[in-house]
Amino acid sequence: MSLASALYIVPTPIGNLGDMTQRAIEVLTAADLIAAEDTRHSRRLLDAYSISGHLWSLHEHNERARSAAIIERVQAGQIVALISDAGTPLISDPGYPLLRACRDAGVNVIPLPGPCAAITALSAAGLPTDRFSFEGFLPAKSGALNSRLDGLAKEPRTMVFYESPRRVLVTLTAMIEHFGAEREATLAKELTKRFESVVQSTLAGLIDWLEAEPERQQGEFVLVIGGYQVPEGEGLPAEAERWLALLIAELPLKKAAALVAEMYDVKKKLVYDLGLKLQGR
């Protein structure tokens, strides 16, 4: 297999080694350099596929310093692969400063499709998938956590979060405070691994499930939370009103109302009537 000189973004399994794609194996085998989040973790993965590539650590503390050297290697004709500890690089993992530097330098970047915990969980959540928001890990400090969740309380799209075992109950409890106990939610635990669980319930139901057996609180979690639904007779979310005010300054009211209604999954007449009020009609 002949590969072009480039930085390759290579997803790796999130648990089950059988999810490694043939193309990912071919790229890693051919790579002159493999930039990895944790070289010890990645060496075990590479050994499983008899890949003896040269590993460089690339994490949040050295990424900016090493980006220039990686770019020089690609510009010199080498093949460089970027991997994370699990899943698709850059999705709540290091890589953005490197990719931004590659873009600024005009370096060829080739992404490979593959495993991603967020998409895997979303596909099984039983919640709307036509529009969703990936939120990654929430802040650890309570003030920042509550501020972020307050800003998402009326987000109409399905939301996807990552969470650690030691914080999952704290996060779900905070979500109840801001989203309500009956908000639809799905918890995906240890995806693709031996003790995989996908639990569809409400926020309160997920807490009950986790507390029923303490060992359920172990592992890696993806939380998929249903978006805010405007109750019958209630007005639009403040964010939707702001969008409508901006759009009707540039577009005919009918078109602006249709766009906002689609964005927030509400009745077009509700938006149109508000637009009339904003225009003073």
Protein backbone atom coordinates (compact mmCIF):
# COMPACT_ATOMS: atom_id res chain seq x y z
CA MET A 1 0.00 0.00 0.00
CA SER A 2 1.44 3.34 -1.05
CA LEU A 3 0.48 6.25 1.18
CA ALA A 4 0.89 9.96 0.54
CA SER A 5 2.97 12.01 2.93
CA ALA A 6 0.50 13.54 5.39
CA LEU A 7 -0.67 13.71 8.96
CA TYR A 8 -3.21 10.89 9.33
CA ILE A 9 -5.91 11.09 12.01
CA VAL A 10 -6.35 7.45 13.06
CA PRO A 11 -9.18 6.31 15.36
CA THR A 12 -8.45 3.35 17.63
CA PRO A 13 -10.82 0.97 19.49
CA ILE A 14 -12.70 2.30 22.51
CA GLY A 15 -12.61 -1.13 24.10
CA ASN A 16 -13.02 -4.05 21.71
CA LEU A 17 -9.84 -4.66 19.72
CA GLY A 18 -11.94 -6.14 16.93
CA ASP A 19 -13.09 -2.62 16.06
CA MET A 20 -9.67 -1.66 14.65
CA THR A 21 -10.16 -1.09 10.91
CA GLN A 22 -7.93 -2.61 8.26
CA ARG A 23 -7.11 0.84 6.93
CA ALA A 24 -6.05 2.04 10.39
CA ILE A 25 -3.69 -0.94 10.68
CA GLU A 26 -2.21 -0.21 7.25
CA VAL A 27 -1.60 3.47 8.05
CA LEU A 28 -0.02 2.74 11.44
CA THR A 29 2.17 0.04 9.91
CA ALA A 30 3.40 2.43 7.22
CA ALA A 31 3.84 5.45 9.51
CA ASP A 32 7.33 6.86 10.07
CA LEU A 33 6.10 8.36 13.32
CA ILE A 34 3.03 7.75 15.50
CA ALA A 35 2.06 10.62 17.81
CA ALA A 36 0.22 9.16 20.80
CA GLU A 37 -1.46 10.58 23.89
CA ASP A 38 0.10 7.91 26.15
CA THR A 39 2.93 5.90 24.55
CA ARG A 40 2.73 3.08 27.10
CA HIS A 41 -0.98 2.57 26.49
CA SER A 42 -0.54 2.84 22.72
CA ARG A 43 2.40 0.42 22.66
CA ARG A 44 0.14 -2.32 24.02
CA LEU A 45 -2.36 -1.61 21.24
CA LEU A 46 0.31 -1.62 18.54
CA ASP A 47 1.84 -4.83 19.88
CA ALA A 48 -1.57 -6.51 19.57
CA TYR A 49 -1.36 -5.88 15.81
CA SER A 50 2.41 -6.47 15.47
CA ILE A 51 3.00 -2.81 14.59
CA SER A 52 6.49 -1.64 15.53
CA GLY A 53 6.13 2.05 14.68
CA HIS A 54 8.18 4.79 16.32
CA LEU A 55 6.08 6.44 19.05
CA TRP A 56 6.17 10.05 20.20
CA SER A 57 4.14 11.32 23.13
CA LEU A 58 1.76 14.13 22.24
CA HIS A 59 -0.40 15.45 25.07
CA GLU A 60 -1.79 18.74 26.35
CA HIS A 61 1.48 19.68 28.04
CA ASN A 62 3.84 19.27 25.04
CA GLU A 63 1.57 19.49 22.01
CA ARG A 64 2.37 23.06 21.00
CA ALA A 65 6.12 22.48 21.35
CA ARG A 66 6.08 19.29 19.27
CA SER A 67 3.75 20.50 16.51
CA ALA A 68 6.55 22.24 14.60
CA ALA A 69 8.70 19.09 14.56
CA ILE A 70 5.79 16.96 13.34
CA ILE A 71 5.02 19.44 10.57
CA GLU A 72 8.67 19.40 9.50
CA ARG A 73 8.56 15.62 9.19
CA VAL A 74 5.46 15.69 6.99
CA GLN A 75 6.95 18.45 4.85
CA ALA A 76 10.06 16.27 4.46
CA GLY A 77 7.90 13.51 2.96
CA GLN A 78 7.18 11.37 5.99
CA ILE A 79 3.94 9.71 7.07
CA VAL A 80 2.83 10.74 10.56
CA ALA A 81 -0.17 9.20 12.35
CA LEU A 82 -2.02 10.79 15.27
CA ILE A 83 -3.80 8.49 17.72
CA SER A 84 -5.37 8.98 21.16
CA ASP A 85 -5.78 6.51 24.02
CA ALA A 86 -9.11 5.40 22.55
CA GLY A 87 -11.53 6.51 19.88
CA THR A 88 -11.17 9.35 17.39
CA PRO A 89 -8.38 11.86 18.13
CA LEU A 90 -9.40 15.44 19.04
CA ILE A 91 -12.83 14.38 20.39
CA SER A 92 -12.19 15.44 24.02
CA ASP A 93 -8.57 14.42 23.39
CA PRO A 94 -5.37 16.29 22.42
CA GLY A 95 -4.75 17.30 18.83
CA TYR A 96 -6.36 20.66 18.12
CA PRO A 97 -3.20 22.83 18.37
CA LEU A 98 -1.38 20.37 16.06
CA LEU A 99 -4.22 20.33 13.52
CA ARG A 100 -4.49 24.11 13.60
CA ALA A 101 -0.73 24.43 13.01
CA CYS A 102 -0.95 21.96 10.12
CA ARG A 103 -3.76 23.98 8.58
CA ASP A 104 -1.79 27.22 8.89
CA ALA A 105 1.29 25.55 7.36
CA GLY A 106 -0.66 24.01 4.47
CA VAL A 107 0.22 20.47 5.57
CA ASN A 108 -1.92 17.67 4.17
CA VAL A 109 -4.21 16.11 6.82
CA ILE A 110 -6.06 12.87 6.06
CA PRO A 111 -8.78 11.70 8.50
CA LEU A 112 -9.81 8.07 8.83
CA PRO A 113 -13.29 7.06 10.00
CA GLY A 114 -13.57 4.79 12.99
CA PRO A 115 -14.62 4.30 16.63
CA CYS A 116 -16.05 7.21 18.63
CA ALA A 117 -17.77 6.73 21.99
CA ALA A 118 -20.06 9.74 21.49
CA ILE A 119 -21.47 8.50 18.19
CA THR A 120 -21.70 4.90 19.40
CA ALA A 121 -23.74 5.96 22.43
CA LEU A 122 -25.92 8.34 20.42
CA SER A 123 -26.81 5.62 17.93
CA ALA A 124 -28.29 3.47 20.71
CA ALA A 125 -29.79 6.18 22.92
CA GLY A 126 -33.31 6.17 21.54
CA LEU A 127 -33.28 9.98 21.41
CA PRO A 128 -33.44 12.31 18.36
CA THR A 129 -30.26 12.09 16.28
CA ASP A 130 -31.05 14.48 13.43
CA ARG A 131 -29.49 17.33 15.43
CA PHE A 132 -27.26 16.96 18.48
CA SER A 133 -24.69 18.84 20.52
CA PHE A 134 -21.44 17.23 21.73
CA GLU A 135 -20.49 18.78 25.09
CA GLY A 136 -17.59 16.52 26.11
CA PHE A 137 -16.54 16.65 29.77
CA LEU A 138 -18.26 19.17 32.02
CA PRO A 139 -16.23 21.42 34.36
CA ALA A 140 -15.20 19.85 37.65
CA LYS A 141 -15.75 22.92 39.85
CA SER A 142 -19.33 23.35 41.00
CA GLY A 143 -19.64 26.98 39.97
CA ALA A 144 -18.52 26.37 36.40
CA LEU A 145 -20.54 23.15 36.23
CA ASN A 146 -23.77 24.89 37.24
CA SER A 147 -23.10 27.77 34.90
CA ARG A 148 -22.59 25.42 31.93
CA LEU A 149 -25.70 23.38 32.70
CA ASP A 150 -27.79 26.51 33.23
CA GLY A 151 -26.77 27.64 29.74
CA LEU A 152 -27.86 24.26 28.33
CA ALA A 153 -31.16 23.99 30.20
CA LYS A 154 -33.19 25.05 27.15
CA GLU A 155 -30.93 23.54 24.48
CA PRO A 156 -33.37 21.88 22.05
CA ARG A 157 -30.89 19.42 20.57
CA THR A 158 -29.95 16.05 22.05
CA MET A 159 -26.78 16.55 24.14
CA VAL A 160 -23.86 14.13 24.52
CA PHE A 161 -21.50 14.26 27.50
CA TYR A 162 -18.50 12.23 28.68
CA GLU A 163 -18.16 11.52 32.38
CA SER A 164 -15.83 9.70 34.78
CA PRO A 165 -16.96 7.12 37.35
CA ARG A 166 -16.14 9.33 40.33
CA ARG A 167 -18.26 12.22 39.02
CA VAL A 168 -21.16 10.56 37.25
CA LEU A 169 -23.58 10.83 40.21
CA VAL A 170 -22.55 14.44 40.89
CA THR A 171 -23.18 15.32 37.26
CA LEU A 172 -26.55 13.59 37.06
CA THR A 173 -27.67 15.28 40.29
CA ALA A 174 -26.68 18.69 38.90
CA MET A 175 -28.49 17.90 35.65
CA ILE A 176 -31.68 17.19 37.58
CA GLU A 177 -31.41 20.60 39.21
CA HIS A 178 -31.13 22.35 35.83
CA PHE A 179 -32.99 20.04 33.42
CA GLY A 180 -35.59 18.42 35.67
CA ALA A 181 -35.79 14.88 37.04
CA GLU A 182 -38.00 13.62 34.22
CA ARG A 183 -35.78 14.72 31.33
CA GLU A 184 -35.23 11.73 29.03
CA ALA A 185 -31.68 10.40 29.20
CA THR A 186 -29.52 7.43 28.27
CA LEU A 187 -26.42 6.20 30.08
CA ALA A 188 -23.91 4.19 28.04
CA LYS A 189 -21.28 2.44 30.17
CA GLU A 190 -18.13 0.60 29.06
CA LEU A 191 -19.11 0.65 25.39
CA THR A 192 -17.83 -2.33 23.33
CA LYS A 193 -16.34 -3.90 26.49
CA ARG A 194 -17.33 -6.98 28.47
CA PHE A 195 -19.60 -5.13 30.92
CA GLU A 196 -21.23 -2.81 28.41
CA SER A 197 -24.58 -1.35 29.48
CA VAL A 198 -26.95 1.03 27.69
CA VAL A 199 -29.71 2.24 30.02
CA GLN A 200 -32.59 4.33 28.68
CA SER A 201 -34.56 6.19 31.34
CA THR A 202 -34.94 9.64 32.89
CA LEU A 203 -32.26 11.53 34.80
CA ALA A 204 -33.83 10.38 38.08
CA GLY A 205 -34.09 6.83 36.76
CA LEU A 206 -30.41 6.75 35.87
CA ILE A 207 -29.44 7.75 39.40
CA ASP A 208 -31.67 5.00 40.79
CA TRP A 209 -30.03 2.47 38.45
CA LEU A 210 -26.49 3.51 39.42
CA GLU A 211 -27.22 3.49 43.15
CA ALA A 212 -28.95 0.09 43.05
CA GLU A 213 -25.58 -1.65 42.64
CA PRO A 214 -22.39 0.32 43.52
CA GLU A 215 -20.32 -1.54 40.90
CA ARG A 216 -22.47 0.07 38.21
CA GLN A 217 -20.69 3.34 39.02
CA GLN A 218 -17.40 1.94 37.70
CA GLY A 219 -16.17 2.38 34.15
CA GLU A 220 -16.32 5.06 31.46
CA PHE A 221 -19.62 6.80 30.79
CA VAL A 222 -21.36 8.59 27.97
CA LEU A 223 -24.51 10.49 28.94
CA VAL A 224 -27.02 11.28 26.18
CA ILE A 225 -29.62 13.81 27.32
CA GLY A 226 -32.81 14.67 25.50
CA GLY A 227 -33.18 18.27 24.34
CA TYR A 228 -35.52 20.81 25.87
CA GLN A 229 -39.11 20.53 24.68
CA VAL A 230 -41.22 23.67 24.73
CA PRO A 231 -44.40 22.88 26.72
CA GLU A 232 -47.68 23.54 24.97
CA GLY A 233 -48.57 27.20 25.39
CA GLU A 234 -45.10 28.24 26.62
CA GLY A 235 -43.10 30.86 24.76
CA LEU A 236 -39.88 30.31 22.86
CA PRO A 237 -36.52 29.87 24.58
CA ALA A 238 -34.66 33.18 24.97
CA GLU A 239 -31.98 31.99 22.54
CA ALA A 240 -34.61 31.32 19.87
CA GLU A 241 -36.05 34.81 20.35
CA ARG A 242 -32.59 36.31 19.89
CA TRP A 243 -32.09 34.36 16.68
CA LEU A 244 -35.47 35.45 15.38
CA ALA A 245 -34.73 39.10 16.11
CA LEU A 246 -31.45 38.83 14.18
CA LEU A 247 -32.95 36.97 11.22
CA ILE A 248 -35.96 39.20 10.67
CA ALA A 249 -33.57 42.12 10.26
CA GLU A 250 -32.17 40.39 7.16
CA LEU A 251 -34.90 38.05 5.90
CA PRO A 252 -38.64 38.08 5.27
CA LEU A 253 -40.53 37.14 8.44
CA LYS A 254 -41.99 33.96 6.93
CA LYS A 255 -38.56 32.61 6.03
CA ALA A 256 -36.99 33.70 9.32
CA ALA A 257 -39.80 32.04 11.29
CA ALA A 258 -39.42 28.80 9.33
CA LEU A 259 -35.67 28.68 10.04
CA VAL A 260 -36.07 29.29 13.79
CA ALA A 261 -38.96 26.80 14.04
CA GLU A 262 -36.76 24.12 12.45
CA MET A 263 -33.76 25.00 14.63
CA TYR A 264 -35.73 24.70 17.88
CA ASP A 265 -38.31 22.11 16.83
CA VAL A 266 -41.30 24.32 17.64
CA LYS A 267 -44.43 25.26 15.76
CA LYS A 268 -43.83 27.79 13.00
CA LYS A 269 -46.96 29.73 13.93
CA LEU A 270 -45.59 30.32 17.44
CA VAL A 271 -42.43 31.80 15.95
CA TYR A 272 -44.28 33.76 13.28
CA ASP A 273 -46.62 35.35 15.86
CA LEU A 274 -43.64 36.39 17.96
CA GLY A 275 -42.02 37.89 14.86
CA LEU A 276 -45.11 40.01 14.27
CA LYS A 277 -44.84 41.35 17.82
CA LEU A 278 -41.16 42.11 17.38
CA GLN A 279 -41.96 44.04 14.21
CA GLY A 280 -44.68 45.98 16.02
CA ARG A 281 -47.51 44.71 13.84
